[in-house]
């Protein structure tokens, strides 16, 4: 029998880089090995969608059953530019 809690522990977690926006909630994301996947926003992010420009680094959750689609779980904070003195 299946447990009643969310089954998010059996996914592959990795970082990815947004390549392009397909629609309001679909993105083409490059994995660290260069493979492109289709990423969609998680429910938590879909409530208040962030601005995801090309090149934004995101954390992905990928099902081991479908390695061509991913859930965008969170957005990595962009590095703050260092001022040259």
Protein backbone atom coordinates (compact mmCIF):
# COMPACT_ATOMS: atom_id res chain seq x y z
CA UNK A 1 0.00 0.00 0.00
CA UNK A 2 1.22 3.47 -0.84
CA UNK A 3 2.00 5.96 1.92
CA UNK A 4 -0.28 8.97 2.29
CA UNK A 5 2.52 11.58 2.25
CA UNK A 6 4.05 13.22 -0.81
CA UNK A 7 6.42 10.99 -2.73
CA UNK A 8 8.99 13.64 -3.58
CA UNK A 9 11.85 11.71 -1.98
CA UNK A 10 12.23 9.39 -4.97
CA UNK A 11 13.17 12.11 -7.46
CA UNK A 12 16.53 13.20 -8.85
CA UNK A 13 17.53 16.68 -7.66
CA UNK A 14 19.93 18.82 -9.67
CA UNK A 15 20.56 22.36 -10.85
CA UNK A 16 19.75 23.64 -14.31
CA UNK A 17 19.99 26.81 -16.38
CA UNK A 18 17.00 28.37 -18.14
CA UNK A 19 17.59 28.35 -21.91
CA UNK A 20 14.31 29.88 -23.09
CA UNK A 21 10.71 30.49 -22.09
CA UNK A 22 8.18 28.31 -23.90
CA UNK A 23 5.02 29.66 -22.23
CA UNK A 24 4.03 31.37 -18.99
CA UNK A 25 4.86 28.29 -16.89
CA UNK A 26 7.00 26.12 -19.22
CA UNK A 27 10.72 26.55 -19.76
CA UNK A 28 13.49 24.82 -21.64
CA UNK A 29 16.19 24.08 -19.07
CA UNK A 30 19.72 22.77 -19.60
CA UNK A 31 21.00 20.15 -17.16
CA UNK A 32 24.65 20.31 -16.01
CA UNK A 33 25.58 17.77 -18.72
CA UNK A 34 24.00 20.01 -21.40
CA UNK A 35 20.87 17.91 -22.01
CA UNK A 36 17.76 20.10 -22.48
CA UNK A 37 14.59 19.21 -20.57
CA UNK A 38 11.15 20.80 -20.28
CA UNK A 39 10.68 22.39 -16.85
CA UNK A 40 7.43 23.51 -15.24
CA UNK A 41 6.93 25.55 -12.09
CA UNK A 42 6.11 23.76 -8.85
CA UNK A 43 2.80 24.58 -7.19
CA UNK A 44 4.57 26.77 -4.63
CA UNK A 45 6.23 28.84 -7.37
CA UNK A 46 3.15 28.91 -9.62
CA UNK A 47 1.16 30.81 -6.98
CA UNK A 48 3.54 33.77 -7.24
CA UNK A 49 5.66 33.11 -10.35
CA UNK A 50 9.19 34.55 -10.31
CA UNK A 51 10.79 36.33 -13.26
CA UNK A 52 12.91 33.65 -14.93
CA UNK A 53 15.18 35.16 -17.56
CA UNK A 54 17.48 33.17 -19.82
CA UNK A 55 20.54 32.08 -17.86
CA UNK A 56 18.78 31.90 -14.48
CA UNK A 57 19.96 28.97 -12.36
CA UNK A 58 17.14 26.87 -10.87
CA UNK A 59 16.88 23.74 -8.74
CA UNK A 60 15.12 20.88 -10.51
CA UNK A 61 13.36 17.72 -9.40
CA UNK A 62 13.23 15.00 -12.07
CA UNK A 63 11.19 11.82 -11.91
CA UNK A 64 13.26 8.70 -12.56
CA UNK A 65 10.43 7.51 -14.84
CA UNK A 66 10.52 10.50 -17.25
CA UNK A 67 13.93 12.10 -17.60
CA UNK A 68 12.76 14.61 -20.24
CA UNK A 69 10.57 16.65 -17.88
CA UNK A 70 11.43 18.41 -14.65
CA UNK A 71 9.77 20.40 -11.89
CA UNK A 72 11.38 23.75 -11.08
CA UNK A 73 11.48 23.55 -7.29
CA UNK A 74 13.27 26.82 -6.51
CA UNK A 75 15.30 29.63 -8.01
CA UNK A 76 18.92 30.09 -7.03
CA UNK A 77 19.73 33.61 -5.84
CA UNK A 78 21.64 35.55 -8.46
CA UNK A 79 25.19 36.45 -7.45
CA UNK A 80 25.60 40.03 -6.39
CA UNK A 81 28.07 41.93 -8.57
CA UNK A 82 31.29 42.82 -6.81
CA UNK A 83 32.38 46.41 -7.13
CA UNK A 84 35.95 46.91 -8.33
CA UNK A 85 37.83 49.29 -6.08
